[in-house]
Amino acid sequence: MKLYYSHNLNPRVAVATARYLNAPVEYVRASPRSPGQIDAFRTLNPNALVPVLVDGDERLWETDAIACSLSGLAGSDFWRIGPETAEMIKWISWSAYHLTRAADPLYFHRVVMPTFSDAPPDAGLMAQSLQDFREHAATLDVHLAQRVWLLGERISYADFRVATCLPFAEGAGLPLEDFPNVKRWHDRLLQIDAWRDPFSGLD
């Protein structure tokens, strides 16, 4: 199997998951939107995006689907199957539509864009994104007050997914210090090598 990836947010989660599960994959760094590569990459993913998991003639794209597949192949409950599945999916969905969506403009304009342009971001967009992030981080902070992990005492893929933007908190200006339970939880995640530095030794 080959896992095509880049250093962007979603591929980072896919690589972290694969390395946490010790998945038997070959890691292939890709730039599918680079000039001259986009058409060729559409044979792997019609969206011309990473991550993509290739296993023989099978192509699987989208981070959550890849995590589900790799967890099953590893015989792990990292992707919960059973009574906790709905709760895990709830947090995955919540991350996509709330916390990560709020943090994404802050990450993009403060971490990614400065490598391409020195144009200032729209101040209104940044202020609204920060306000939204604070609102959703407060929800997460309350949930984590009496919990080790999102689903209780054992880590799950929901923890990786909800934390998608948090490794970039300093550069993106995400005020984790205002949410002590979130910070405590993410500090625990950062003790996991696969999460702290998923690209170690790959590039």
N, C-alpha and C. Protein backbone atom coordinates (compact mmCIF):
# COMPACT_ATOMS: atom_id res chain seq x y z
N MET A 1 0.83 -1.19 0.00
CA MET A 1 0.00 0.00 0.00
C MET A 1 0.87 1.24 0.00
N LYS A 2 0.39 2.27 -0.67
CA LYS A 2 1.07 3.56 -0.69
C LYS A 2 0.12 4.63 -0.15
N LEU A 3 0.65 5.48 0.71
CA LEU A 3 -0.12 6.60 1.23
C LEU A 3 0.51 7.88 0.70
N TYR A 4 -0.20 8.54 -0.20
CA TYR A 4 0.27 9.80 -0.76
C TYR A 4 -0.15 10.93 0.18
N TYR A 5 0.79 11.81 0.47
CA TYR A 5 0.54 12.82 1.49
C TYR A 5 1.26 14.13 1.16
N SER A 6 0.88 15.18 1.88
CA SER A 6 1.61 16.43 1.91
C SER A 6 1.63 16.87 3.37
N HIS A 7 2.16 18.05 3.64
CA HIS A 7 2.25 18.53 5.01
C HIS A 7 1.05 19.36 5.42
N ASN A 8 0.00 19.38 4.63
CA ASN A 8 -1.20 20.14 4.96
C ASN A 8 -2.02 19.42 6.04
N LEU A 9 -3.09 20.09 6.48
CA LEU A 9 -3.80 19.62 7.67
C LEU A 9 -4.35 18.21 7.55
N ASN A 10 -5.17 17.93 6.52
CA ASN A 10 -5.79 16.62 6.42
C ASN A 10 -4.77 15.51 6.17
N PRO A 11 -3.83 15.68 5.25
CA PRO A 11 -2.81 14.64 5.08
C PRO A 11 -2.01 14.40 6.36
N ARG A 12 -1.78 15.45 7.13
CA ARG A 12 -1.06 15.26 8.40
C ARG A 12 -1.80 14.30 9.32
N VAL A 13 -3.12 14.45 9.39
CA VAL A 13 -3.92 13.55 10.24
C VAL A 13 -3.84 12.12 9.71
N ALA A 14 -3.89 11.95 8.39
CA ALA A 14 -3.81 10.61 7.81
C ALA A 14 -2.47 9.96 8.10
N VAL A 15 -1.38 10.70 7.94
CA VAL A 15 -0.05 10.15 8.21
C VAL A 15 0.09 9.83 9.69
N ALA A 16 -0.38 10.73 10.56
CA ALA A 16 -0.30 10.48 12.00
C ALA A 16 -1.05 9.20 12.37
N THR A 17 -2.22 9.01 11.76
CA THR A 17 -3.00 7.80 12.02
C THR A 17 -2.25 6.56 11.56
N ALA A 18 -1.73 6.60 10.35
CA ALA A 18 -1.00 5.44 9.82
C ALA A 18 0.20 5.09 10.68
N ARG A 19 0.92 6.09 11.13
CA ARG A 19 2.10 5.82 11.94
C ARG A 19 1.72 5.37 13.35
N TYR A 20 0.65 5.92 13.89
CA TYR A 20 0.17 5.48 15.21
C TYR A 20 -0.22 4.00 15.16
N LEU A 21 -0.82 3.59 14.05
CA LEU A 21 -1.28 2.20 13.90
C LEU A 21 -0.18 1.28 13.37
N ASN A 22 1.00 1.83 13.11
CA ASN A 22 2.08 1.05 12.50
C ASN A 22 1.60 0.36 11.22
N ALA A 23 0.87 1.11 10.42
CA ALA A 23 0.30 0.55 9.19
C ALA A 23 1.41 0.22 8.20
N PRO A 24 1.27 -0.88 7.48
CA PRO A 24 2.29 -1.30 6.52
C PRO A 24 2.15 -0.56 5.19
N VAL A 25 2.42 0.74 5.21
CA VAL A 25 2.26 1.55 4.01
C VAL A 25 3.60 2.18 3.64
N GLU A 26 3.74 2.45 2.35
CA GLU A 26 4.86 3.25 1.85
C GLU A 26 4.36 4.68 1.75
N TYR A 27 5.11 5.60 2.34
CA TYR A 27 4.71 7.00 2.36
C TYR A 27 5.30 7.72 1.15
N VAL A 28 4.44 8.38 0.38
CA VAL A 28 4.88 9.06 -0.84
C VAL A 28 4.43 10.52 -0.76
N ARG A 29 5.40 11.41 -0.63
CA ARG A 29 5.05 12.83 -0.59
C ARG A 29 4.66 13.29 -1.99
N ALA A 30 3.59 14.06 -2.08
CA ALA A 30 3.06 14.45 -3.38
C ALA A 30 2.65 15.91 -3.38
N SER A 31 2.66 16.51 -4.56
CA SER A 31 2.19 17.88 -4.77
C SER A 31 1.19 17.86 -5.93
N PRO A 32 0.00 17.33 -5.68
CA PRO A 32 -0.93 17.07 -6.79
C PRO A 32 -1.39 18.31 -7.54
N ARG A 33 -1.31 19.48 -6.91
CA ARG A 33 -1.75 20.70 -7.59
C ARG A 33 -0.60 21.44 -8.28
N SER A 34 0.59 20.86 -8.26
CA SER A 34 1.71 21.49 -8.94
C SER A 34 1.50 21.47 -10.45
N PRO A 35 2.00 22.49 -11.14
CA PRO A 35 1.86 22.51 -12.61
C PRO A 35 2.44 21.24 -13.24
N GLY A 36 1.68 20.65 -14.14
CA GLY A 36 2.14 19.46 -14.82
C GLY A 36 1.83 18.16 -14.11
N GLN A 37 1.33 18.23 -12.86
CA GLN A 37 1.06 17.01 -12.12
C GLN A 37 -0.43 16.76 -11.89
N ILE A 38 -1.24 17.81 -12.00
CA ILE A 38 -2.63 17.69 -11.58
C ILE A 38 -3.40 16.66 -12.41
N ASP A 39 -3.20 16.62 -13.72
CA ASP A 39 -3.94 15.67 -14.56
C ASP A 39 -3.55 14.24 -14.23
N ALA A 40 -2.26 14.00 -14.05
CA ALA A 40 -1.80 12.65 -13.72
C ALA A 40 -2.34 12.22 -12.37
N PHE A 41 -2.40 13.16 -11.42
CA PHE A 41 -2.85 12.77 -10.08
C PHE A 41 -4.35 12.46 -10.03
N ARG A 42 -5.09 13.00 -10.98
CA ARG A 42 -6.54 12.72 -10.99
C ARG A 42 -6.81 11.24 -11.24
N THR A 43 -5.86 10.49 -11.74
CA THR A 43 -6.05 9.05 -11.88
C THR A 43 -6.07 8.36 -10.52
N LEU A 44 -5.48 9.02 -9.51
CA LEU A 44 -5.51 8.49 -8.14
C LEU A 44 -6.68 9.06 -7.35
N ASN A 45 -6.96 10.33 -7.57
CA ASN A 45 -8.05 11.00 -6.86
C ASN A 45 -8.62 12.06 -7.79
N PRO A 46 -9.85 11.94 -8.22
CA PRO A 46 -10.42 12.90 -9.17
C PRO A 46 -10.43 14.33 -8.64
N ASN A 47 -10.29 14.49 -7.33
CA ASN A 47 -10.23 15.81 -6.74
C ASN A 47 -8.83 16.41 -6.80
N ALA A 48 -7.84 15.59 -7.20
CA ALA A 48 -6.44 16.02 -7.24
C ALA A 48 -5.99 16.57 -5.90
N LEU A 49 -6.27 15.80 -4.87
CA LEU A 49 -5.88 16.17 -3.51
C LEU A 49 -5.29 14.96 -2.79
N VAL A 50 -4.52 15.22 -1.76
CA VAL A 50 -4.06 14.17 -0.86
C VAL A 50 -4.74 14.39 0.49
N PRO A 51 -4.85 13.32 1.28
CA PRO A 51 -4.22 12.01 1.15
C PRO A 51 -4.99 11.06 0.22
N VAL A 52 -4.24 10.09 -0.30
CA VAL A 52 -4.81 8.99 -1.06
C VAL A 52 -4.11 7.72 -0.62
N LEU A 53 -4.88 6.69 -0.36
CA LEU A 53 -4.34 5.37 -0.03
C LEU A 53 -4.54 4.47 -1.24
N VAL A 54 -3.44 3.95 -1.77
CA VAL A 54 -3.49 3.09 -2.95
C VAL A 54 -3.09 1.68 -2.55
N ASP A 55 -3.95 0.74 -2.83
CA ASP A 55 -3.69 -0.67 -2.52
C ASP A 55 -4.03 -1.48 -3.77
N GLY A 56 -3.01 -1.78 -4.57
CA GLY A 56 -3.26 -2.45 -5.84
C GLY A 56 -4.07 -1.56 -6.75
N ASP A 57 -5.22 -2.05 -7.19
CA ASP A 57 -6.09 -1.27 -8.06
C ASP A 57 -7.07 -0.38 -7.29
N GLU A 58 -7.05 -0.50 -5.97
CA GLU A 58 -7.98 0.27 -5.14
C GLU A 58 -7.39 1.62 -4.79
N ARG A 59 -8.21 2.67 -4.89
CA ARG A 59 -7.83 4.01 -4.49
C ARG A 59 -8.84 4.52 -3.48
N LEU A 60 -8.34 4.91 -2.33
CA LEU A 60 -9.22 5.41 -1.27
C LEU A 60 -8.78 6.81 -0.90
N TRP A 61 -9.67 7.78 -1.04
CA TRP A 61 -9.34 9.15 -0.67
C TRP A 61 -10.31 9.65 0.38
N GLU A 62 -9.88 10.72 1.04
CA GLU A 62 -10.51 11.37 2.18
C GLU A 62 -9.92 10.77 3.47
N THR A 63 -9.48 11.68 4.33
CA THR A 63 -8.73 11.32 5.53
C THR A 63 -9.50 10.36 6.43
N ASP A 64 -10.77 10.65 6.68
CA ASP A 64 -11.53 9.82 7.62
C ASP A 64 -11.72 8.41 7.08
N ALA A 65 -11.97 8.28 5.78
CA ALA A 65 -12.12 6.95 5.18
C ALA A 65 -10.82 6.17 5.27
N ILE A 66 -9.70 6.84 5.05
CA ILE A 66 -8.40 6.18 5.15
C ILE A 66 -8.14 5.72 6.58
N ALA A 67 -8.46 6.57 7.55
CA ALA A 67 -8.28 6.19 8.95
C ALA A 67 -9.14 4.98 9.31
N CYS A 68 -10.37 4.96 8.83
CA CYS A 68 -11.26 3.83 9.09
C CYS A 68 -10.68 2.55 8.51
N SER A 69 -10.20 2.63 7.27
CA SER A 69 -9.64 1.46 6.60
C SER A 69 -8.39 0.94 7.32
N LEU A 70 -7.48 1.84 7.64
CA LEU A 70 -6.22 1.42 8.28
C LEU A 70 -6.47 0.85 9.67
N SER A 71 -7.41 1.41 10.40
CA SER A 71 -7.73 0.87 11.72
C SER A 71 -8.27 -0.55 11.61
N GLY A 72 -9.14 -0.78 10.61
CA GLY A 72 -9.67 -2.12 10.40
C GLY A 72 -8.58 -3.10 10.01
N LEU A 73 -7.68 -2.69 9.12
CA LEU A 73 -6.59 -3.56 8.70
C LEU A 73 -5.66 -3.90 9.86
N ALA A 74 -5.51 -2.95 10.80
CA ALA A 74 -4.63 -3.16 11.95
C ALA A 74 -5.30 -3.94 13.06
N GLY A 75 -6.60 -4.19 12.93
CA GLY A 75 -7.32 -4.86 14.00
C GLY A 75 -7.40 -4.03 15.26
N SER A 76 -7.44 -2.71 15.07
CA SER A 76 -7.43 -1.77 16.19
C SER A 76 -8.82 -1.20 16.42
N ASP A 77 -9.07 -0.76 17.65
CA ASP A 77 -10.32 -0.06 17.92
C ASP A 77 -10.12 1.45 17.92
N PHE A 78 -9.01 1.90 17.31
CA PHE A 78 -8.78 3.34 17.18
C PHE A 78 -9.99 3.97 16.47
N TRP A 79 -10.47 3.33 15.42
CA TRP A 79 -11.76 3.68 14.82
C TRP A 79 -12.79 2.76 15.47
N ARG A 80 -13.61 3.32 16.32
CA ARG A 80 -14.53 2.51 17.10
C ARG A 80 -15.58 1.83 16.22
N ILE A 81 -15.80 0.57 16.49
CA ILE A 81 -16.87 -0.20 15.88
C ILE A 81 -17.73 -0.74 17.01
N GLY A 82 -18.98 -0.32 17.06
CA GLY A 82 -19.83 -0.79 18.14
C GLY A 82 -20.56 0.37 18.80
N PRO A 83 -20.85 0.26 20.10
CA PRO A 83 -21.68 1.27 20.77
C PRO A 83 -21.10 2.68 20.72
N GLU A 84 -19.77 2.81 20.62
CA GLU A 84 -19.16 4.14 20.63
C GLU A 84 -19.04 4.77 19.24
N THR A 85 -19.45 4.05 18.20
CA THR A 85 -19.27 4.56 16.84
C THR A 85 -19.99 5.88 16.64
N ALA A 86 -21.24 5.96 17.04
CA ALA A 86 -22.01 7.18 16.81
C ALA A 86 -21.39 8.37 17.53
N GLU A 87 -20.92 8.16 18.75
CA GLU A 87 -20.29 9.24 19.50
C GLU A 87 -19.00 9.70 18.82
N MET A 88 -18.24 8.75 18.29
CA MET A 88 -17.01 9.11 17.59
C MET A 88 -17.34 9.91 16.32
N ILE A 89 -18.31 9.45 15.56
CA ILE A 89 -18.70 10.15 14.33
C ILE A 89 -19.21 11.55 14.66
N LYS A 90 -19.90 11.68 15.77
CA LYS A 90 -20.39 13.00 16.18
C LYS A 90 -19.23 13.98 16.30
N TRP A 91 -18.15 13.57 16.96
CA TRP A 91 -17.02 14.47 17.17
C TRP A 91 -16.24 14.70 15.88
N ILE A 92 -16.16 13.70 15.02
CA ILE A 92 -15.52 13.90 13.72
C ILE A 92 -16.29 14.94 12.91
N SER A 93 -17.60 14.82 12.89
CA SER A 93 -18.44 15.77 12.16
C SER A 93 -18.36 17.15 12.80
N TRP A 94 -18.40 17.21 14.11
CA TRP A 94 -18.32 18.48 14.82
C TRP A 94 -17.01 19.20 14.50
N SER A 95 -15.94 18.45 14.46
CA SER A 95 -14.65 19.05 14.12
C SER A 95 -14.70 19.67 12.73
N ALA A 96 -15.22 18.92 11.77
CA ALA A 96 -15.24 19.40 10.39
C ALA A 96 -16.07 20.65 10.23
N TYR A 97 -17.22 20.71 10.91
CA TYR A 97 -18.15 21.80 10.67
C TYR A 97 -18.07 22.93 11.68
N HIS A 98 -17.27 22.74 12.73
CA HIS A 98 -17.20 23.77 13.77
C HIS A 98 -15.76 24.14 14.13
N LEU A 99 -15.08 23.33 14.93
CA LEU A 99 -13.77 23.76 15.44
C LEU A 99 -12.73 23.93 14.34
N THR A 100 -12.56 22.91 13.50
CA THR A 100 -11.55 23.00 12.45
C THR A 100 -11.94 24.03 11.40
N ARG A 101 -13.21 24.14 11.10
CA ARG A 101 -13.66 25.15 10.13
C ARG A 101 -13.34 26.55 10.65
N ALA A 102 -13.51 26.77 11.95
CA ALA A 102 -13.21 28.08 12.52
C ALA A 102 -11.71 28.36 12.50
N ALA A 103 -10.91 27.34 12.81
CA ALA A 103 -9.46 27.53 12.90
C ALA A 103 -8.79 27.61 11.54
N ASP A 104 -9.40 27.04 10.52
CA ASP A 104 -8.73 26.91 9.23
C ASP A 104 -8.29 28.25 8.62
N PRO A 105 -9.12 29.31 8.62
CA PRO A 105 -8.63 30.57 8.06
C PRO A 105 -7.45 31.13 8.83
N LEU A 106 -7.44 30.96 10.14
CA LEU A 106 -6.33 31.44 10.95
C LEU A 106 -5.05 30.69 10.60
N TYR A 107 -5.18 29.38 10.45
CA TYR A 107 -4.04 28.55 10.04
C TYR A 107 -3.57 28.94 8.65
N PHE A 108 -4.50 29.05 7.72
CA PHE A 108 -4.12 29.29 6.33
C PHE A 108 -3.43 30.65 6.16
N HIS A 109 -4.02 31.68 6.74
CA HIS A 109 -3.50 33.02 6.49
C HIS A 109 -2.27 33.35 7.34
N ARG A 110 -2.08 32.64 8.45
CA ARG A 110 -0.93 32.95 9.30
C ARG A 110 0.21 31.94 9.20
N VAL A 111 -0.11 30.72 8.75
CA VAL A 111 0.92 29.69 8.66
C VAL A 111 1.28 29.40 7.20
N VAL A 112 0.27 29.23 6.35
CA VAL A 112 0.52 28.82 4.97
C VAL A 112 0.82 30.02 4.06
N MET A 113 -0.04 31.02 4.08
CA MET A 113 0.08 32.13 3.13
C MET A 113 1.40 32.89 3.23
N PRO A 114 1.97 33.09 4.40
CA PRO A 114 3.24 33.84 4.46
C PRO A 114 4.37 33.20 3.66
N THR A 115 4.24 31.92 3.33
CA THR A 115 5.28 31.29 2.50
C THR A 115 5.11 31.65 1.03
N PHE A 116 3.96 32.25 0.67
CA PHE A 116 3.68 32.61 -0.72
C PHE A 116 3.51 34.11 -0.94
N SER A 117 3.03 34.79 0.08
CA SER A 117 2.66 36.19 -0.11
C SER A 117 2.78 36.95 1.20
N ASP A 118 3.05 38.24 1.11
CA ASP A 118 3.08 39.09 2.29
C ASP A 118 1.83 39.97 2.37
N ALA A 119 0.83 39.65 1.56
CA ALA A 119 -0.42 40.41 1.60
C ALA A 119 -1.15 40.14 2.92
N PRO A 120 -1.63 41.18 3.60
CA PRO A 120 -2.32 40.97 4.88
C PRO A 120 -3.67 40.32 4.68
N PRO A 121 -4.08 39.47 5.62
CA PRO A 121 -5.41 38.84 5.51
C PRO A 121 -6.50 39.85 5.82
N ASP A 122 -7.71 39.50 5.45
CA ASP A 122 -8.87 40.34 5.74
C ASP A 122 -9.10 40.36 7.26
N ALA A 123 -9.06 41.54 7.84
CA ALA A 123 -9.16 41.66 9.30
C ALA A 123 -10.51 41.17 9.81
N GLY A 124 -11.57 41.43 9.07
CA GLY A 124 -12.88 40.97 9.50
C GLY A 124 -12.98 39.47 9.52
N LEU A 125 -12.43 38.81 8.49
CA LEU A 125 -12.43 37.35 8.44
C LEU A 125 -11.66 36.77 9.62
N MET A 126 -10.52 37.35 9.91
CA MET A 126 -9.69 36.82 10.99
C MET A 126 -10.37 37.00 12.35
N ALA A 127 -11.00 38.15 12.54
CA ALA A 127 -11.70 38.40 13.81
C ALA A 127 -12.87 37.44 13.98
N GLN A 128 -13.63 37.22 12.92
CA GLN A 128 -14.77 36.31 13.00
C GLN A 128 -14.29 34.88 13.24
N SER A 129 -13.22 34.48 12.58
CA SER A 129 -12.69 33.13 12.75
C SER A 129 -12.23 32.91 14.19
N LEU A 130 -11.56 33.91 14.75
CA LEU A 130 -11.11 33.79 16.14
C LEU A 130 -12.29 33.72 17.09
N GLN A 131 -13.31 34.53 16.84
CA GLN A 131 -14.51 34.48 17.68
C GLN A 131 -15.16 33.10 17.60
N ASP A 132 -15.28 32.56 16.38
CA ASP A 132 -15.87 31.24 16.21
C ASP A 132 -15.03 30.17 16.89
N PHE A 133 -13.70 30.27 16.74
CA PHE A 133 -12.83 29.29 17.39
C PHE A 133 -13.04 29.32 18.90
N ARG A 134 -13.09 30.50 19.48
CA ARG A 134 -13.29 30.59 20.93
C ARG A 134 -14.61 29.95 21.36
N GLU A 135 -15.65 30.18 20.58
CA GLU A 135 -16.95 29.59 20.92
C GLU A 135 -16.88 28.07 20.92
N HIS A 136 -16.28 27.50 19.89
CA HIS A 136 -16.25 26.04 19.79
C HIS A 136 -15.22 25.42 20.74
N ALA A 137 -14.11 26.11 20.95
CA ALA A 137 -13.13 25.61 21.92
C ALA A 137 -13.72 25.57 23.33
N ALA A 138 -14.60 26.52 23.63
CA ALA A 138 -15.26 26.52 24.94
C ALA A 138 -16.14 25.29 25.10
N THR A 139 -16.83 24.91 24.02
CA THR A 139 -17.65 23.68 24.06
C THR A 139 -16.78 22.47 24.32
N LEU A 140 -15.65 22.40 23.62
CA LEU A 140 -14.74 21.27 23.80
C LEU A 140 -14.15 21.27 25.20
N ASP A 141 -13.84 22.43 25.72
CA ASP A 141 -13.24 22.54 27.05
C ASP A 141 -14.17 21.98 28.12
N VAL A 142 -15.44 22.28 28.01
CA VAL A 142 -16.41 21.75 28.97
C VAL A 142 -16.49 20.23 28.87
N HIS A 143 -16.51 19.71 27.65
CA HIS A 143 -16.61 18.26 27.46
C HIS A 143 -15.41 17.53 28.06
N LEU A 144 -14.24 18.14 27.95
CA LEU A 144 -13.01 17.47 28.39
C LEU A 144 -12.71 17.67 29.87
N ALA A 145 -13.55 18.39 30.57
CA ALA A 145 -13.26 18.73 31.96
C ALA A 145 -13.03 17.51 32.84
N GLN A 146 -13.79 16.46 32.62
CA GLN A 146 -13.68 15.25 33.45
C GLN A 146 -13.27 14.03 32.62
N ARG A 147 -12.61 14.29 31.49
CA ARG A 147 -12.27 13.18 30.59
C ARG A 147 -10.79 13.19 30.26
N VAL A 148 -10.24 12.01 30.06
CA VAL A 148 -8.86 11.88 29.58
C VAL A 148 -8.83 12.07 28.07
N TRP A 149 -9.75 11.39 27.37
CA TRP A 149 -9.88 11.48 25.92
C TRP A 149 -11.33 11.81 25.59
N LEU A 150 -11.60 12.12 24.34
CA LEU A 150 -12.94 12.54 23.96
C LEU A 150 -14.01 11.51 24.29
N LEU A 151 -13.67 10.22 24.08
CA LEU A 151 -14.65 9.16 24.34
C LEU A 151 -14.48 8.52 25.70
N GLY A 152 -13.65 9.08 26.54
CA GLY A 152 -13.49 8.52 27.88
C GLY A 152 -12.05 8.23 28.23
N GLU A 153 -11.77 6.98 28.60
CA GLU A 153 -10.46 6.62 29.11
C GLU A 153 -9.49 6.13 28.05
N ARG A 154 -9.97 5.89 26.82
CA ARG A 154 -9.09 5.37 25.76
C ARG A 154 -9.12 6.29 24.55
N ILE A 155 -7.97 6.48 23.97
CA ILE A 155 -7.85 7.32 22.80
C ILE A 155 -8.60 6.71 21.62
N SER A 156 -9.09 7.56 20.74
CA SER A 156 -9.75 7.11 19.51
C SER A 156 -9.38 8.07 18.39
N TYR A 157 -9.76 7.72 17.19
CA TYR A 157 -9.50 8.59 16.05
C TYR A 157 -10.16 9.96 16.23
N ALA A 158 -11.24 10.02 16.98
CA ALA A 158 -11.88 11.32 17.23
C ALA A 158 -10.91 12.31 17.84
N ASP A 159 -10.00 11.84 18.70
CA ASP A 159 -9.03 12.74 19.31
C ASP A 159 -8.10 13.34 18.27
N PHE A 160 -7.60 12.52 17.37
CA PHE A 160 -6.75 13.04 16.30
C PHE A 160 -7.53 14.02 15.43
N ARG A 161 -8.76 13.67 15.09
CA ARG A 161 -9.52 14.48 14.14
C ARG A 161 -9.89 15.84 14.71
N VAL A 162 -10.35 15.85 15.95
CA VAL A 162 -10.75 17.12 16.56
C VAL A 162 -9.53 18.03 16.76
N ALA A 163 -8.36 17.43 16.95
CA ALA A 163 -7.14 18.21 17.18
C ALA A 163 -6.45 18.63 15.89
N THR A 164 -7.10 18.47 14.74
CA THR A 164 -6.46 18.70 13.44
C THR A 164 -5.60 19.96 13.40
N CYS A 165 -6.13 21.09 13.82
CA CYS A 165 -5.41 22.37 13.71
C CYS A 165 -4.51 22.69 14.90
N LEU A 166 -4.66 21.97 15.98
CA LEU A 166 -4.02 22.39 17.23
C LEU A 166 -2.50 22.32 17.23
N PRO A 167 -1.85 21.44 16.46
CA PRO A 167 -0.38 21.49 16.44
C PRO A 167 0.16 22.81 15.91
N PHE A 168 -0.68 23.60 15.24
CA PHE A 168 -0.28 24.87 14.66
C PHE A 168 -0.83 26.05 15.46
N ALA A 169 -1.22 25.79 16.70
CA ALA A 169 -1.89 26.81 17.51
C ALA A 169 -1.04 28.07 17.65
N GLU A 170 0.25 27.91 17.91
CA GLU A 170 1.09 29.08 18.13
C GLU A 170 1.17 29.95 16.88
N GLY A 171 1.48 29.34 15.74
CA GLY A 171 1.60 30.10 14.51
C GLY A 171 0.29 30.69 14.04
N ALA A 172 -0.80 29.97 14.28
CA ALA A 172 -2.12 30.42 13.83
C ALA A 172 -2.76 31.39 14.80
N GLY A 173 -2.20 31.52 15.99
CA GLY A 173 -2.78 32.40 16.99
C GLY A 173 -4.02 31.84 17.64
N LEU A 174 -4.06 30.52 17.83
CA LEU A 174 -5.20 29.89 18.51
C LEU A 174 -4.94 29.96 20.01
N PRO A 175 -5.83 30.58 20.78
CA PRO A 175 -5.57 30.85 22.20
C PRO A 175 -5.84 29.64 23.11
N LEU A 176 -5.05 28.60 22.97
CA LEU A 176 -5.28 27.39 23.76
C LEU A 176 -5.14 27.65 25.26
N GLU A 177 -4.30 28.63 25.62
CA GLU A 177 -4.09 28.90 27.04
C GLU A 177 -5.38 29.35 27.73
N ASP A 178 -6.36 29.79 26.95
CA ASP A 178 -7.64 30.21 27.53
C ASP A 178 -8.57 29.03 27.77
N PHE A 179 -8.17 27.85 27.35
CA PHE A 179 -9.01 26.66 27.46
C PHE A 179 -8.18 25.54 28.08
N PRO A 180 -8.06 25.54 29.41
CA PRO A 180 -7.09 24.65 30.07
C PRO A 180 -7.34 23.17 29.84
N ASN A 181 -8.60 22.77 29.72
CA ASN A 181 -8.87 21.34 29.50
C ASN A 181 -8.48 20.92 28.09
N VAL A 182 -8.71 21.81 27.12
CA VAL A 182 -8.28 21.53 25.75
C VAL A 182 -6.77 21.45 25.68
N LYS A 183 -6.10 22.39 26.34
CA LYS A 183 -4.64 22.39 26.32
C LYS A 183 -4.08 21.14 26.99
N ARG A 184 -4.65 20.76 28.12
CA ARG A 184 -4.19 19.55 28.82
C ARG A 184 -4.35 18.33 27.93
N TRP A 185 -5.50 18.23 27.27
CA TRP A 185 -5.77 17.11 26.37
C TRP A 185 -4.80 17.09 25.19
N HIS A 186 -4.58 18.25 24.59
CA HIS A 186 -3.68 18.26 23.44
C HIS A 186 -2.23 18.05 23.86
N ASP A 187 -1.85 18.52 25.04
CA ASP A 187 -0.49 18.23 25.54
C ASP A 187 -0.30 16.72 25.68
N ARG A 188 -1.36 16.02 26.07
CA ARG A 188 -1.28 14.57 26.15
C ARG A 188 -1.12 13.96 24.76
N LEU A 189 -1.83 14.49 23.79
CA LEU A 189 -1.66 14.01 22.42
C LEU A 189 -0.23 14.23 21.93
N LEU A 190 0.37 15.34 22.30
CA LEU A 190 1.72 15.66 21.84
C LEU A 190 2.78 14.74 22.45
N GLN A 191 2.40 13.96 23.42
CA GLN A 191 3.32 12.95 23.96
C GLN A 191 3.39 11.72 23.05
N ILE A 192 2.49 11.63 22.10
CA ILE A 192 2.47 10.52 21.15
C ILE A 192 3.33 10.91 19.95
N ASP A 193 4.38 10.14 19.70
CA ASP A 193 5.32 10.50 18.63
C ASP A 193 4.62 10.70 17.30
N ALA A 194 3.68 9.81 16.98
CA ALA A 194 3.00 9.87 15.68
C ALA A 194 2.21 11.16 15.51
N TRP A 195 1.73 11.71 16.61
CA TRP A 195 0.98 12.97 16.52
C TRP A 195 1.92 14.17 16.56
N ARG A 196 2.90 14.12 17.43
CA ARG A 196 3.80 15.27 17.58
C ARG A 196 4.58 15.54 16.31
N ASP A 197 5.08 14.50 15.64
CA ASP A 197 5.89 14.69 14.44
C ASP A 197 5.65 13.55 13.48
N PRO A 198 4.48 13.55 12.81
CA PRO A 198 4.15 12.42 11.93
C PRO A 198 5.07 12.26 10.74
N PHE A 199 5.77 13.32 10.36
CA PHE A 199 6.61 13.26 9.16
C PHE A 199 8.06 12.94 9.47
N SER A 200 8.35 12.63 10.73
CA SER A 200 9.73 12.34 11.11
C SER A 200 10.31 11.20 10.28
N GLY A 201 11.41 11.45 9.60
CA GLY A 201 12.09 10.42 8.83
C GLY A 201 11.48 10.10 7.48
N LEU A 202 10.40 10.79 7.10
CA LEU A 202 9.73 10.47 5.84
C LEU A 202 10.24 11.28 4.66
N ASP A 203 10.58 12.54 4.88
CA ASP A 203 10.90 13.43 3.77
C ASP A 203 12.39 13.39 3.45
